[in-house]
PDB file of N, CA and C in Angstrom:
ATOM      1  N   MET A   1      74.286  68.291 -19.247  1.00  0.00           N
ATOM      2  CA  MET A   1      73.040  68.132 -19.668  1.00  0.00           C
ATOM      3  C   MET A   1      71.868  67.324 -18.559  1.00  0.00           C
ATOM      4  N   GLU A   2      72.699  66.225 -17.967  1.00  0.00           N
ATOM      5  CA  GLU A   2      72.213  65.848 -16.821  1.00  0.00           C
ATOM      6  C   GLU A   2      71.623  66.878 -15.700  1.00  0.00           C
ATOM      7  N   LYS A   3      72.803  67.330 -15.118  1.00  0.00           N
ATOM      8  CA  LYS A   3      72.857  68.505 -14.467  1.00  0.00           C
ATOM      9  C   LYS A   3      71.417  69.620 -14.490  1.00  0.00           C
ATOM     10  N   ARG A   4      71.065  69.780 -15.880  1.00  0.00           N
ATOM     11  CA  ARG A   4      70.024  70.745 -16.163  1.00  0.00           C
ATOM     12  C   ARG A   4      68.521  69.743 -15.857  1.00  0.00           C
ATOM     13  N   LEU A   5      68.686  68.494 -16.277  1.00  0.00           N
ATOM     14  CA  LEU A   5      67.652  67.577 -16.230  1.00  0.00           C
ATOM     15  C   LEU A   5      67.389  67.692 -14.677  1.00  0.00           C
ATOM     16  N   ALA A   6      68.199  67.549 -13.756  1.00  0.00           N
ATOM     17  CA  ALA A   6      68.335  67.399 -12.336  1.00  0.00           C
ATOM     18  C   ALA A   6      67.574  68.612 -11.652  1.00  0.00           C
ATOM     19  N   LEU A   7      68.033  69.683 -12.156  1.00  0.00           N
ATOM     20  CA  LEU A   7      67.604  70.889 -11.630  1.00  0.00           C
ATOM     21  C   LEU A   7      66.293  71.007 -12.116  1.00  0.00           C
ATOM     22  N   LEU A   8      65.628  70.974 -13.469  1.00  0.00           N
ATOM     23  CA  LEU A   8      64.359  70.701 -13.636  1.00  0.00           C
ATOM     24  C   LEU A   8      63.558  70.218 -12.840  1.00  0.00           C
ATOM     25  N   ILE A   9      63.680  68.776 -12.829  1.00  0.00           N
ATOM     26  CA  ILE A   9      62.957  68.067 -11.889  1.00  0.00           C
ATOM     27  C   ILE A   9      62.841  68.514 -10.290  1.00  0.00           C
ATOM     28  N   GLY A  10      64.168  68.887  -9.851  1.00  0.00           N
ATOM     29  CA  GLY A  10      64.039  69.264  -8.663  1.00  0.00           C
ATOM     30  C   GLY A  10      63.226  70.507  -8.416  1.00  0.00           C
ATOM     31  N   SER A  11      62.944  71.192  -8.997  1.00  0.00           N
ATOM     32  CA  SER A  11      62.223  72.717  -9.529  1.00  0.00           C
ATOM     33  C   SER A  11      61.258  72.523  -9.423  1.00  0.00           C
ATOM     34  N   LEU A  12      60.394  71.514 -10.236  1.00  0.00           N
ATOM     35  CA  LEU A  12      59.257  70.914 -10.669  1.00  0.00           C
ATOM     36  C   LEU A  12      58.480  70.577  -9.326  1.00  0.00           C
ATOM     37  N   LEU A  13      59.325  69.395  -8.381  1.00  0.00           N
ATOM     38  CA  LEU A  13      59.356  68.912  -7.117  1.00  0.00           C
ATOM     39  C   LEU A  13      58.904  69.710  -6.216  1.00  0.00           C
ATOM     40  N   PHE A  14      59.683  70.858  -6.318  1.00  0.00           N
ATOM     41  CA  PHE A  14      59.563  71.917  -5.234  1.00  0.00           C
ATOM     42  C   PHE A  14      58.338  72.552  -5.400  1.00  0.00           C
ATOM     43  N   SER A  15      58.223  73.295  -6.636  1.00  0.00           N
ATOM     44  CA  SER A  15      56.921  73.636  -6.687  1.00  0.00           C
ATOM     45  C   SER A  15      55.580  72.938  -6.359  1.00  0.00           C
ATOM     46  N   PHE A  16      55.269  71.249  -6.739  1.00  0.00           N
ATOM     47  CA  PHE A  16      54.596  70.554  -6.620  1.00  0.00           C
ATOM     48  C   PHE A  16      54.182  70.959  -4.900  1.00  0.00           C
ATOM     49  N   PHE A  17      55.008  70.590  -4.573  1.00  0.00           N
ATOM     50  CA  PHE A  17      55.241  70.524  -2.523  1.00  0.00           C
ATOM     51  C   PHE A  17      54.747  71.566  -2.496  1.00  0.00           C
ATOM     52  N   THR A  18      55.326  72.780  -2.728  1.00  0.00           N
ATOM     53  CA  THR A  18      54.861  73.876  -2.269  1.00  0.00           C
ATOM     54  C   THR A  18      53.087  74.110  -2.678  1.00  0.00           C
ATOM     55  N   CYS A  19      52.926  73.920  -3.650  1.00  0.00           N
ATOM     56  CA  CYS A  19      51.344  74.370  -4.032  1.00  0.00           C
ATOM     57  C   CYS A  19      50.548  72.975  -3.214  1.00  0.00           C
ATOM     58  N   ILE A  20      50.826  72.072  -3.083  1.00  0.00           N
ATOM     59  CA  ILE A  20      49.832  71.026  -2.042  1.00  0.00           C
ATOM     60  C   ILE A  20      50.519  71.475  -0.275  1.00  0.00           C
ATOM     61  N   ALA A  21      50.994  72.219  -0.357  1.00  0.00           N
ATOM     62  CA  ALA A  21      51.117  72.491   1.790  1.00  0.00           C
ATOM     63  C   ALA A  21      50.027  72.981   2.157  1.00  0.00           C
ATOM     64  N   GLY A  22      49.595  72.159   2.992  1.00  0.00           N
ATOM     65  CA  GLY A  22      48.527  72.363   3.722  1.00  0.00           C
ATOM     66  C   GLY A  22      48.374  73.621   4.705  1.00  0.00           C
ATOM     67  N   PRO A  23      47.249  74.098   5.099  1.00  0.00           N
ATOM     68  CA  PRO A  23      47.124  75.205   5.748  1.00  0.00           C
ATOM     69  C   PRO A  23      47.817  75.262   6.978  1.00  0.00           C
ATOM     70  N   THR A  24      47.919  74.147   7.861  1.00  0.00           N
ATOM     71  CA  THR A  24      48.785  73.990   8.944  1.00  0.00           C
ATOM     72  C   THR A  24      50.167  74.580   8.670  1.00  0.00           C
ATOM     73  N   GLU A  25      50.862  73.692   7.397  1.00  0.00           N
ATOM     74  CA  GLU A  25      52.314  73.742   7.347  1.00  0.00           C
ATOM     75  C   GLU A  25      52.358  75.561   6.903  1.00  0.00           C
ATOM     76  N   ASN A  26      51.772  75.774   6.045  1.00  0.00           N
ATOM     77  CA  ASN A  26      51.558  77.510   5.690  1.00  0.00           C
ATOM     78  C   ASN A  26      51.460  78.311   6.811  1.00  0.00           C
ATOM     79  N   ILE A  27      50.491  78.101   7.708  1.00  0.00           N
ATOM     80  CA  ILE A  27      50.564  78.959   8.815  1.00  0.00           C
ATOM     81  C   ILE A  27      52.032  78.631   9.923  1.00  0.00           C
ATOM     82  N   LEU A  28      52.493  77.345  10.262  1.00  0.00           N
ATOM     83  CA  LEU A  28      53.678  77.116  10.690  1.00  0.00           C
ATOM     84  C   LEU A  28      54.851  78.116   9.786  1.00  0.00           C
ATOM     85  N   ASN A  29      54.901  77.977   8.914  1.00  0.00           N
ATOM     86  CA  ASN A  29      55.796  78.797   8.233  1.00  0.00           C
ATOM     87  C   ASN A  29      55.883  80.103   8.386  1.00  0.00           C
ATOM     88  N   ALA A  30      54.692  80.646   8.510  1.00  0.00           N
ATOM     89  CA  ALA A  30      54.473  82.322   8.862  1.00  0.00           C
ATOM     90  C   ALA A  30      54.845  82.239  10.259  1.00  0.00           C
ATOM     91  N   ILE A  31      54.557  81.552  10.946  1.00  0.00           N
ATOM     92  CA  ILE A  31      54.945  81.906  12.426  1.00  0.00           C
ATOM     93  C   ILE A  31      56.342  81.918  12.370  1.00  0.00           C
ATOM     94  N   LYS A  32      57.318  80.645  11.961  1.00  0.00           N
ATOM     95  CA  LYS A  32      58.280  80.401  12.112  1.00  0.00           C
ATOM     96  C   LYS A  32      59.409  81.664  11.253  1.00  0.00           C
ATOM     97  N   THR A  33      58.731  82.188  10.248  1.00  0.00           N
ATOM     98  CA  THR A  33      59.374  83.311   9.815  1.00  0.00           C
ATOM     99  C   THR A  33      59.201  84.618  10.266  1.00  0.00           C
ATOM    100  N   GLY A  34      58.182  84.734  11.616  1.00  0.00           N
ATOM    101  CA  GLY A  34      57.947  85.956  12.079  1.00  0.00           C
ATOM    102  C   GLY A  34      56.865  86.714  10.854  1.00  0.00           C
ATOM    103  N   ASN A  35      56.741  86.343   9.901  1.00  0.00           N
ATOM    104  CA  ASN A  35      55.524  86.822   9.368  1.00  0.00           C
ATOM    105  C   ASN A  35      54.212  87.327   9.579  1.00  0.00           C
ATOM    106  N   ALA A  36      53.750  88.217   9.899  1.00  0.00           N
ATOM    107  CA  ALA A  36      52.324  88.586  10.655  1.00  0.00           C
ATOM    108  C   ALA A  36      51.372  88.737   9.455  1.00  0.00           C
ATOM    109  N   VAL A  37      51.746  89.558   8.455  1.00  0.00           N
ATOM    110  CA  VAL A  37      50.977  89.559   7.097  1.00  0.00           C
ATOM    111  C   VAL A  37      50.782  88.168   6.759  1.00  0.00           C
ATOM    112  N   LYS A  38      51.576  87.344   6.706  1.00  0.00           N
ATOM    113  CA  LYS A  38      51.225  86.230   6.148  1.00  0.00           C
ATOM    114  C   LYS A  38      50.431  85.331   6.666  1.00  0.00           C
ATOM    115  N   LEU A  39      50.699  85.217   7.875  1.00  0.00           N
ATOM    116  CA  LEU A  39      49.778  84.603   9.313  1.00  0.00           C
ATOM    117  C   LEU A  39      48.616  84.963   8.912  1.00  0.00           C
ATOM    118  N   SER A  40      48.621  86.418   8.955  1.00  0.00           N
ATOM    119  CA  SER A  40      46.988  87.193   8.466  1.00  0.00           C
ATOM    120  C   SER A  40      46.290  86.765   7.790  1.00  0.00           C
ATOM    121  N   GLU A  41      47.099  86.554   6.771  1.00  0.00           N
ATOM    122  CA  GLU A  41      45.838  85.745   5.458  1.00  0.00           C
ATOM    123  C   GLU A  41      45.005  84.786   5.789  1.00  0.00           C
ATOM    124  N   TYR A  42      45.554  83.870   7.008  1.00  0.00           N
ATOM    125  CA  TYR A  42      44.474  83.098   7.395  1.00  0.00           C
ATOM    126  C   TYR A  42      43.622  83.209   8.596  1.00  0.00           C
ATOM    127  N   PHE A  43      43.771  84.660   9.099  1.00  0.00           N
ATOM    128  CA  PHE A  43      42.803  84.861  10.455  1.00  0.00           C
ATOM    129  C   PHE A  43      41.477  85.530   9.568  1.00  0.00           C
ATOM    130  N   ASP A  44      40.132  85.126  10.259  1.00  0.00           N
ATOM    131  CA  ASP A  44      38.990  85.117  10.319  1.00  0.00           C
ATOM    132  C   ASP A  44      38.652  86.760  10.652  1.00  0.00           C
ATOM    133  N   ASN A  45      37.748  86.952  10.346  1.00  0.00           N
ATOM    134  CA  ASN A  45      37.482  88.618  10.365  1.00  0.00           C
ATOM    135  C   ASN A  45      37.640  88.919  11.981  1.00  0.00           C
ATOM    136  N   ASN A  46      37.179  88.406  12.689  1.00  0.00           N
ATOM    137  CA  ASN A  46      37.359  88.501  13.845  1.00  0.00           C
ATOM    138  C   ASN A  46      38.435  87.220  14.595  1.00  0.00           C
ATOM    139  N   VAL A  47      39.078  87.261  15.545  1.00  0.00           N
ATOM    140  CA  VAL A  47      39.712  86.094  15.920  1.00  0.00           C
ATOM    141  C   VAL A  47      39.829  86.317  17.597  1.00  0.00           C
ATOM    142  N   ASP A  48      39.926  84.844  18.102  1.00  0.00           N
ATOM    143  CA  ASP A  48      40.080  85.034  19.665  1.00  0.00           C
ATOM    144  C   ASP A  48      41.403  84.741  19.875  1.00  0.00           C
ATOM    145  N   LEU A  49      41.872  85.994  20.302  1.00  0.00           N
ATOM    146  CA  LEU A  49      43.547  85.900  20.593  1.00  0.00           C
ATOM    147  C   LEU A  49      44.133  86.406  21.935  1.00  0.00           C
ATOM    148  N   LYS A  50      45.414  85.354  22.325  1.00  0.00           N
ATOM    149  CA  LYS A  50      45.788  85.866  23.208  1.00  0.00           C
ATOM    150  C   LYS A  50      47.441  85.496  23.138  1.00  0.00           C
ATOM    151  N   ILE A  51      47.910  86.831  23.229  1.00  0.00           N
ATOM    152  CA  ILE A  51      49.524  87.078  23.135  1.00  0.00           C
ATOM    153  C   ILE A  51      49.711  87.654  24.479  1.00  0.00           C
ATOM    154  N   VAL A  52      50.323  86.711  25.302  1.00  0.00           N
ATOM    155  CA  VAL A  52      50.856  86.814  26.239  1.00  0.00           C
ATOM    156  C   VAL A  52      49.984  87.253  27.280  1.00  0.00           C
ATOM    157  N   ASP A  53      49.972  88.792  27.808  1.00  0.00           N
ATOM    158  CA  ASP A  53      49.082  89.220  28.644  1.00  0.00           C
ATOM    159  C   ASP A  53      47.841  90.020  28.320  1.00  0.00           C
ATOM    160  N   LYS A  54      47.885  89.870  26.634  1.00  0.00           N
ATOM    161  CA  LYS A  54      46.847  90.522  25.761  1.00  0.00           C
ATOM    162  C   LYS A  54      45.889  89.276  25.361  1.00  0.00           C
ATOM    163  N   GLU A  55      44.719  89.540  25.980  1.00  0.00           N
ATOM    164  CA  GLU A  55      43.653  88.466  25.402  1.00  0.00           C
ATOM    165  C   GLU A  55      42.136  89.154  25.149  1.00  0.00           C
ATOM    166  N   ASN A  56      41.761  88.858  24.041  1.00  0.00           N
ATOM    167  CA  ASN A  56      40.131  89.490  23.588  1.00  0.00           C
ATOM    168  C   ASN A  56      39.737  88.867  22.461  1.00  0.00           C
ATOM    169  N   ILE A  57      38.824  89.167  21.743  1.00  0.00           N
ATOM    170  CA  ILE A  57      38.307  89.091  20.225  1.00  0.00           C
ATOM    171  C   ILE A  57      38.947  90.373  19.644  1.00  0.00           C
ATOM    172  N   TYR A  58      39.824  90.275  18.690  1.00  0.00           N
ATOM    173  CA  TYR A  58      40.054  91.383  17.929  1.00  0.00           C
ATOM    174  C   TYR A  58      39.626  91.068  16.471  1.00  0.00           C
ATOM    175  N   SER A  59      39.825  92.296  15.893  1.00  0.00           N
ATOM    176  CA  SER A  59      39.448  92.130  14.493  1.00  0.00           C
ATOM    177  C   SER A  59      40.516  91.665  13.644  1.00  0.00           C
ATOM    178  N   LYS A  60      40.397  91.315  12.731  1.00  0.00           N
ATOM    179  CA  LYS A  60      41.696  91.077  11.406  1.00  0.00           C
ATOM    180  C   LYS A  60      42.959  91.822  11.949  1.00  0.00           C
ATOM    181  N   SER A  61      42.369  93.023  11.278  1.00  0.00           N
ATOM    182  CA  SER A  61      43.582  94.168  11.547  1.00  0.00           C
ATOM    183  C   SER A  61      44.113  94.422  12.704  1.00  0.00           C
ATOM    184  N   GLN A  62      43.467  94.485  13.906  1.00  0.00           N
ATOM    185  CA  GLN A  62      44.061  94.547  15.344  1.00  0.00           C
ATOM    186  C   GLN A  62      44.870  93.202  15.489  1.00  0.00           C
ATOM    187  N   ALA A  63      44.579  92.208  15.316  1.00  0.00           N
ATOM    188  CA  ALA A  63      45.081  90.860  15.594  1.00  0.00           C
ATOM    189  C   ALA A  63      46.469  91.044  14.995  1.00  0.00           C
ATOM    190  N   THR A  64      46.352  91.273  13.436  1.00  0.00           N
ATOM    191  CA  THR A  64      47.785  91.353  13.175  1.00  0.00           C
ATOM    192  C   THR A  64      48.786  92.166  13.384  1.00  0.00           C
ATOM    193  N   ILE A  65      48.050  93.691  14.006  1.00  0.00           N
ATOM    194  CA  ILE A  65      49.387  94.435  14.613  1.00  0.00           C
ATOM    195  C   ILE A  65      49.486  93.543  16.048  1.00  0.00           C
ATOM    196  N   LEU A  66      49.062  93.153  16.607  1.00  0.00           N
ATOM    197  CA  LEU A  66      49.317  92.418  18.070  1.00  0.00           C
ATOM    198  C   LEU A  66      50.424  91.566  17.449  1.00  0.00           C
ATOM    199  N   VAL A  67      49.941  90.803  16.400  1.00  0.00           N
ATOM    200  CA  VAL A  67      51.423  89.549  16.178  1.00  0.00           C
ATOM    201  C   VAL A  67      52.552  90.005  15.681  1.00  0.00           C
ATOM    202  N   LYS A  68      52.351  91.276  14.793  1.00  0.00           N
ATOM    203  CA  LYS A  68      53.480  91.795  14.388  1.00  0.00           C
ATOM    204  C   LYS A  68      54.149  92.597  15.712  1.00  0.00           C
ATOM    205  N   GLU A  69      53.723  92.882  16.683  1.00  0.00           N
ATOM    206  CA  GLU A  69      54.315  93.774  17.649  1.00  0.00           C
ATOM    207  C   GLU A  69      55.211  92.532  18.371  1.00  0.00           C
ATOM    208  N   PHE A  70      54.404  91.303  18.539  1.00  0.00           N
ATOM    209  CA  PHE A  70      55.030  90.032  19.229  1.00  0.00           C
ATOM    210  C   PHE A  70      56.224  89.776  18.676  1.00  0.00           C
ATOM    211  N   PHE A  71      56.416  89.585  17.002  1.00  0.00           N
ATOM    212  CA  PHE A  71      57.325  88.985  16.350  1.00  0.00           C
ATOM    213  C   PHE A  71      58.473  89.950  16.551  1.00  0.00           C
ATOM    214  N   SER A  72      58.331  91.275  16.638  1.00  0.00           N
ATOM    215  CA  SER A  72      59.051  92.431  16.457  1.00  0.00           C
ATOM    216  C   SER A  72      60.005  92.296  17.918  1.00  0.00           C
ATOM    217  N   THR A  73      59.246  92.281  18.876  1.00  0.00           N
ATOM    218  CA  THR A  73      60.060  91.812  20.171  1.00  0.00           C
ATOM    219  C   THR A  73      60.579  90.483  20.458  1.00  0.00           C
ATOM    220  N   TYR A  74      59.979  89.709  20.014  1.00  0.00           N
ATOM    221  CA  TYR A  74      60.325  88.372  20.407  1.00  0.00           C
ATOM    222  C   TYR A  74      60.825  87.480  19.171  1.00  0.00           C
ATOM    223  N   LYS A  75      62.364  87.471  18.788  1.00  0.00           N
ATOM    224  CA  LYS A  75      62.816  87.048  17.506  1.00  0.00           C
ATOM    225  C   LYS A  75      62.840  85.293  17.329  1.00  0.00           C
ATOM    226  N   ILE A  76      61.834  84.787  16.742  1.00  0.00           N
ATOM    227  CA  ILE A  76      61.810  83.121  17.031  1.00  0.00           C
ATOM    228  C   ILE A  76      62.986  82.558  16.247  1.00  0.00           C
ATOM    229  N   THR A  77      63.551  81.451  17.303  1.00  0.00           N
ATOM    230  CA  THR A  77      64.705  81.024  16.838  1.00  0.00           C
ATOM    231  C   THR A  77      64.378  79.529  16.312  1.00  0.00           C
ATOM    232  N   ASN A  78      63.206  78.926  17.088  1.00  0.00           N
ATOM    233  CA  ASN A  78      62.896  77.687  16.872  1.00  0.00           C
ATOM    234  C   ASN A  78      61.183  77.494  16.666  1.00  0.00           C
ATOM    235  N   LEU A  79      60.773  76.654  16.280  1.00  0.00           N
ATOM    236  CA  LEU A  79      59.123  76.491  16.596  1.00  0.00           C
ATOM    237  C   LEU A  79      59.081  74.941  16.211  1.00  0.00           C
ATOM    238  N   GLU A  80      58.851  73.941  16.874  1.00  0.00           N
ATOM    239  CA  GLU A  80      58.274  72.808  16.797  1.00  0.00           C
ATOM    240  C   GLU A  80      56.738  72.185  16.892  1.00  0.00           C
ATOM    241  N   LEU A  81      56.120  71.718  16.238  1.00  0.00           N
ATOM    242  CA  LEU A  81      55.126  70.959  16.233  1.00  0.00           C
ATOM    243  C   LEU A  81      54.738  69.798  16.672  1.00  0.00           C
ATOM    244  N   ASN A  82      53.946  70.153  17.985  1.00  0.00           N
ATOM    245  CA  ASN A  82      53.892  68.974  19.061  1.00  0.00           C
ATOM    246  C   ASN A  82      52.759  67.964  18.645  1.00  0.00           C
ATOM    247  N   HIS A  83      51.618  68.773  18.318  1.00  0.00           N
ATOM    248  CA  HIS A  83      50.274  67.734  18.097  1.00  0.00           C
ATOM    249  C   HIS A  83      49.251  68.851  17.119  1.00  0.00           C
ATOM    250  N   GLU A  84      48.762  67.955  16.272  1.00  0.00           N
ATOM    251  CA  GLU A  84      47.987  68.534  15.415  1.00  0.00           C
ATOM    252  C   GLU A  84      46.623  67.578  15.104  1.00  0.00           C
ATOM    253  N   GLY A  85      45.859  68.156  14.712  1.00  0.00           N
ATOM    254  CA  GLY A  85      44.514  67.237  14.813  1.00  0.00           C
ATOM    255  C   GLY A  85      43.571  67.968  14.539  1.00  0.00           C
ATOM    256  N   GLY A  86      41.865  66.919  14.522  1.00  0.00           N
ATOM    257  CA  GLY A  86      40.602  67.375  14.381  1.00  0.00           C
ATOM    258  C   GLY A  86      40.351  66.930  13.187  1.00  0.00           C
ATOM    259  N   PRO A  87      38.996  67.134  12.694  1.00  0.00           N
ATOM    260  CA  PRO A  87      38.366  67.011  11.488  1.00  0.00           C
ATOM    261  C   PRO A  87      38.598  67.774  10.535  1.00  0.00           C
ATOM    262  N   GLU A  88      38.654  68.023   9.570  1.00  0.00           N
ATOM    263  CA  GLU A  88      38.818  68.704   8.224  1.00  0.00           C
ATOM    264  C   GLU A  88      38.280  70.142   8.405  1.00  0.00           C
ATOM    265  N   ALA A  89      36.971  69.872   8.949  1.00  0.00           N
ATOM    266  CA  ALA A  89      36.270  70.913   9.354  1.00  0.00           C
ATOM    267  C   ALA A  89      36.853  72.375   9.983  1.00  0.00           C
ATOM    268  N   ALA A  90      37.691  71.663  11.366  1.00  0.00           N
ATOM    269  CA  ALA A  90      38.085  72.409  12.568  1.00  0.00           C
ATOM    270  C   ALA A  90      38.986  72.042  13.172  1.00  0.00           C
ATOM    271  N   HIS A  91      40.613  72.433  12.633  1.00  0.00           N
ATOM    272  CA  HIS A  91      41.313  71.334  12.756  1.00  0.00           C
ATOM    273  C   HIS A  91      42.356  72.473  13.811  1.00  0.00           C
ATOM    274  N   PHE A  92      43.369  72.145  14.685  1.00  0.00           N
ATOM    275  CA  PHE A  92      44.157  72.610  15.958  1.00  0.00           C
ATOM    276  C   PHE A  92      45.554  71.989  15.430  1.00  0.00           C
ATOM    277  N   ALA A  93      46.483  73.026  16.059  1.00  0.00           N
ATOM    278  CA  ALA A  93      47.661  72.524  16.148  1.00  0.00           C
ATOM    279  C   ALA A  93      48.608  73.230  17.531  1.00  0.00           C
ATOM    280  N   ILE A  94      49.164  72.786  18.276  1.00  0.00           N
ATOM    281  CA  ILE A  94      50.350  72.978  19.016  1.00  0.00           C
ATOM    282  C   ILE A  94      51.624  72.690  19.123  1.00  0.00           C
ATOM    283  N   CYS A  95      52.177  74.106  19.198  1.00  0.00           N
ATOM    284  CA  CYS A  95      53.781  74.156  18.939  1.00  0.00           C
ATOM    285  C   CYS A  95      54.424  74.730  20.431  1.00  0.00           C
ATOM    286  N   ASN A  96      55.727  74.286  20.508  1.00  0.00           N
ATOM    287  CA  ASN A  96      56.552  75.047  21.429  1.00  0.00           C
ATOM    288  C   ASN A  96      57.481  75.905  20.300  1.00  0.00           C
ATOM    289  N   MET A  97      57.574  77.149  20.880  1.00  0.00           N
ATOM    290  CA  MET A  97      58.404  78.348  20.379  1.00  0.00           C
ATOM    291  C   MET A  97      59.405  78.343  21.436  1.00  0.00           C
ATOM    292  N   THR A  98      60.215  78.822  20.717  1.00  0.00           N
ATOM    293  CA  THR A  98      61.781  79.343  21.603  1.00  0.00           C
ATOM    294  C   THR A  98      62.241  80.583  20.616  1.00  0.00           C
ATOM    295  N   THR A  99      62.213  81.503  21.552  1.00  0.00           N
ATOM    296  CA  THR A  99      62.387  83.024  21.215  1.00  0.00           C
ATOM    297  C   THR A  99      63.883  83.261  21.686  1.00  0.00           C
ATOM    298  N   THR A 100      64.407  84.790  21.341  1.00  0.00           N
ATOM    299  CA  THR A 100      65.496  85.151  22.077  1.00  0.00           C
ATOM    300  C   THR A 100      65.187  85.331  23.546  1.00  0.00           C
ATOM    301  N   GLN A 101      63.953  85.467  23.837  1.00  0.00           N
ATOM    302  CA  GLN A 101      63.328  86.217  25.679  1.00  0.00           C
ATOM    303  C   GLN A 101      62.886  84.781  25.728  1.00  0.00           C
ATOM    304  N   GLY A 102      62.807  83.779  25.595  1.00  0.00           N
ATOM    305  CA  GLY A 102      62.257  82.917  26.103  1.00  0.00           C
ATOM    306  C   GLY A 102      61.352  81.629  25.526  1.00  0.00           C
ATOM    307  N   LYS A 103      60.837  80.886  26.339  1.00  0.00           N
ATOM    308  CA  LYS A 103      60.002  79.813  25.574  1.00  0.00           C
ATOM    309  C   LYS A 103      58.273  79.991  25.628  1.00  0.00           C
ATOM    310  N   PHE A 104      57.562  79.864  24.687  1.00  0.00           N
ATOM    311  CA  PHE A 104      56.139  80.019  24.311  1.00  0.00           C
ATOM    312  C   PHE A 104      55.591  78.930  23.926  1.00  0.00           C
ATOM    313  N   ARG A 105      54.243  78.488  23.987  1.00  0.00           N
ATOM    314  CA  ARG A 105      53.434  77.710  23.738  1.00  0.00           C
ATOM    315  C   ARG A 105      52.311  78.182  22.862  1.00  0.00           C
ATOM    316  N   VAL A 106      52.143  77.481  21.590  1.00  0.00           N
ATOM    317  CA  VAL A 106      51.367  78.350  20.456  1.00  0.00           C
ATOM    318  C   VAL A 106      49.946  77.344  20.220  1.00  0.00           C
ATOM    319  N   TYR A 107      49.314  77.839  20.604  1.00  0.00           N
ATOM    320  CA  TYR A 107      47.981  77.001  19.916  1.00  0.00           C
ATOM    321  C   TYR A 107      47.105  77.921  18.575  1.00  0.00           C
ATOM    322  N   PHE A 108      46.619  77.006  17.949  1.00  0.00           N
ATOM    323  CA  PHE A 108      45.705  78.061  16.843  1.00  0.00           C
ATOM    324  C   PHE A 108      44.788  76.699  16.557  1.00  0.00           C
ATOM    325  N   LEU A 109      43.298  77.084  16.209  1.00  0.00           N
ATOM    326  CA  LEU A 109      42.540  76.377  15.554  1.00  0.00           C
ATOM    327  C   LEU A 109      42.092  77.303  14.358  1.00  0.00           C
ATOM    328  N   TYR A 110      42.055  76.509  13.529  1.00  0.00           N
ATOM    329  CA  TYR A 110      41.147  77.054  12.020  1.00  0.00           C
ATOM    330  C   TYR A 110      40.194  76.276  11.483  1.00  0.00           C
ATOM    331  N   LYS A 111      39.200  76.911  10.868  1.00  0.00           N
ATOM    332  CA  LYS A 111      38.095  76.000  10.501  1.00  0.00           C
ATOM    333  C   LYS A 111      38.137  76.580   9.311  1.00  0.00           C
ATOM    334  N   ASN A 112      37.515  75.451   8.194  1.00  0.00           N
ATOM    335  CA  ASN A 112      37.130  75.692   6.666  1.00  0.00           C
ATOM    336  C   ASN A 112      35.961  76.568   6.672  1.00  0.00           C
ATOM    337  N   ILE A 113      36.292  77.433   6.148  1.00  0.00           N
ATOM    338  CA  ILE A 113      34.841  78.332   5.743  1.00  0.00           C
ATOM    339  C   ILE A 113      34.735  79.009   4.302  1.00  0.00           C
ATOM    340  N   ASN A 114      33.816  78.499   3.751  1.00  0.00           N
ATOM    341  CA  ASN A 114      34.021  78.722   2.303  1.00  0.00           C
ATOM    342  C   ASN A 114      34.913  78.464   1.388  1.00  0.00           C
ATOM    343  N   ASN A 115      35.202  77.110   2.007  1.00  0.00           N
ATOM    344  CA  ASN A 115      36.496  76.567   1.137  1.00  0.00           C
ATOM    345  C   ASN A 115      37.743  77.271   1.362  1.00  0.00           C
ATOM    346  N   LYS A 116      37.580  78.054   2.638  1.00  0.00           N
ATOM    347  CA  LYS A 116      38.965  78.749   3.036  1.00  0.00           C
ATOM    348  C   LYS A 116      39.312  78.344   4.424  1.00  0.00           C
ATOM    349  N   SER A 117      40.463  78.142   4.649  1.00  0.00           N
ATOM    350  CA  SER A 117      41.070  77.699   6.104  1.00  0.00           C
ATOM    351  C   SER A 117      41.316  79.044   6.698  1.00  0.00           C
ATOM    352  N   LEU A 118      40.371  79.392   7.814  1.00  0.00           N
ATOM    353  CA  LEU A 118      40.604  81.054   8.495  1.00  0.00           C
ATOM    354  C   LEU A 118      40.654  80.361   9.813  1.00  0.00           C
ATOM    355  N   ILE A 119      41.585  81.466  10.621  1.00  0.00           N
ATOM    356  CA  ILE A 119      42.002  81.007  12.165  1.00  0.00           C
ATOM    357  C   ILE A 119      40.947  81.189  12.841  1.00  0.00           C
ATOM    358  N   GLN A 120      40.477  80.802  13.845  1.00  0.00           N
ATOM    359  CA  GLN A 120      39.510  81.174  14.670  1.00  0.00           C
ATOM    360  C   GLN A 120      39.974  81.639  15.870  1.00  0.00           C
ATOM    361  N   LYS A 121      41.018  80.871  16.300  1.00  0.00           N
ATOM    362  CA  LYS A 121      41.693  80.881  17.917  1.00  0.00           C
ATOM    363  C   LYS A 121      43.285  81.149  17.637  1.00  0.00           C
ATOM    364  N   PHE A 122      43.903  82.069  18.005  1.00  0.00           N
ATOM    365  CA  PHE A 122      45.250  82.197  18.320  1.00  0.00           C
ATOM    366  C   PHE A 122      46.171  82.494  19.885  1.00  0.00           C
ATOM    367  N   ARG A 123      46.694  81.494  19.925  1.00  0.00           N
ATOM    368  CA  ARG A 123      47.239  81.876  21.693  1.00  0.00           C
ATOM    369  C   ARG A 123      48.519  81.581  21.766  1.00  0.00           C
ATOM    370  N   VAL A 124      49.307  82.330  22.045  1.00  0.00           N
ATOM    371  CA  VAL A 124      50.703  82.450  22.690  1.00  0.00           C
ATOM    372  C   VAL A 124      50.714  82.699  24.171  1.00  0.00           C
ATOM    373  N   GLU A 125      51.573  81.842  24.842  1.00  0.00           N
ATOM    374  CA  GLU A 125      51.565  81.709  25.923  1.00  0.00           C
ATOM    375  C   GLU A 125      52.757  81.435  26.653  1.00  0.00           C
ATOM    376  N   LYS A 126      53.398  82.082  27.639  1.00  0.00           N
ATOM    377  CA  LYS A 126      54.328  81.569  27.966  1.00  0.00           C
ATOM    378  C   LYS A 126      54.252  80.286  28.421  1.00  0.00           C
ATOM    379  N   ASP A 127      55.614  79.495  28.047  1.00  0.00           N
ATOM    380  CA  ASP A 127      55.860  78.115  28.571  1.00  0.00           C
ATOM    381  C   ASP A 127      56.145  77.895  29.877  1.00  0.00           C
ATOM    382  N   GLY A 128      55.670  77.309  30.866  1.00  0.00           N
ATOM    383  CA  GLY A 128      56.180  77.197  32.340  1.00  0.00           C
ATOM    384  C   GLY A 128      55.674  77.928  33.407  1.00  0.00           C
TER     385      GLY A 128
END
């Protein structure tokens, strides 16, 4: 009986914390798992995107394709959040990403538009 109660409480707490996870945590989880489709849910209609040597303002669908290509080429082994900040209306995060083929620095900026957090800028640059 105690095991069932503990399992039920654990499940409820997990569900609660999953629901209250902020946009930064959700974006980081999408990056960590190499899930371009999940990440693209946070892309605005146009994204100022830089991935290694490709840099431009891309549509949401183009940006998704480029991120998907990056994730398929560079398998992520670790992602560490270094810094995040900014007001609620425009929040940013800077991370160190380790992949099977090297280290990268990740930066993204999202803004709250119509009560939805949308990435305006997303950059992945070689570290060093």
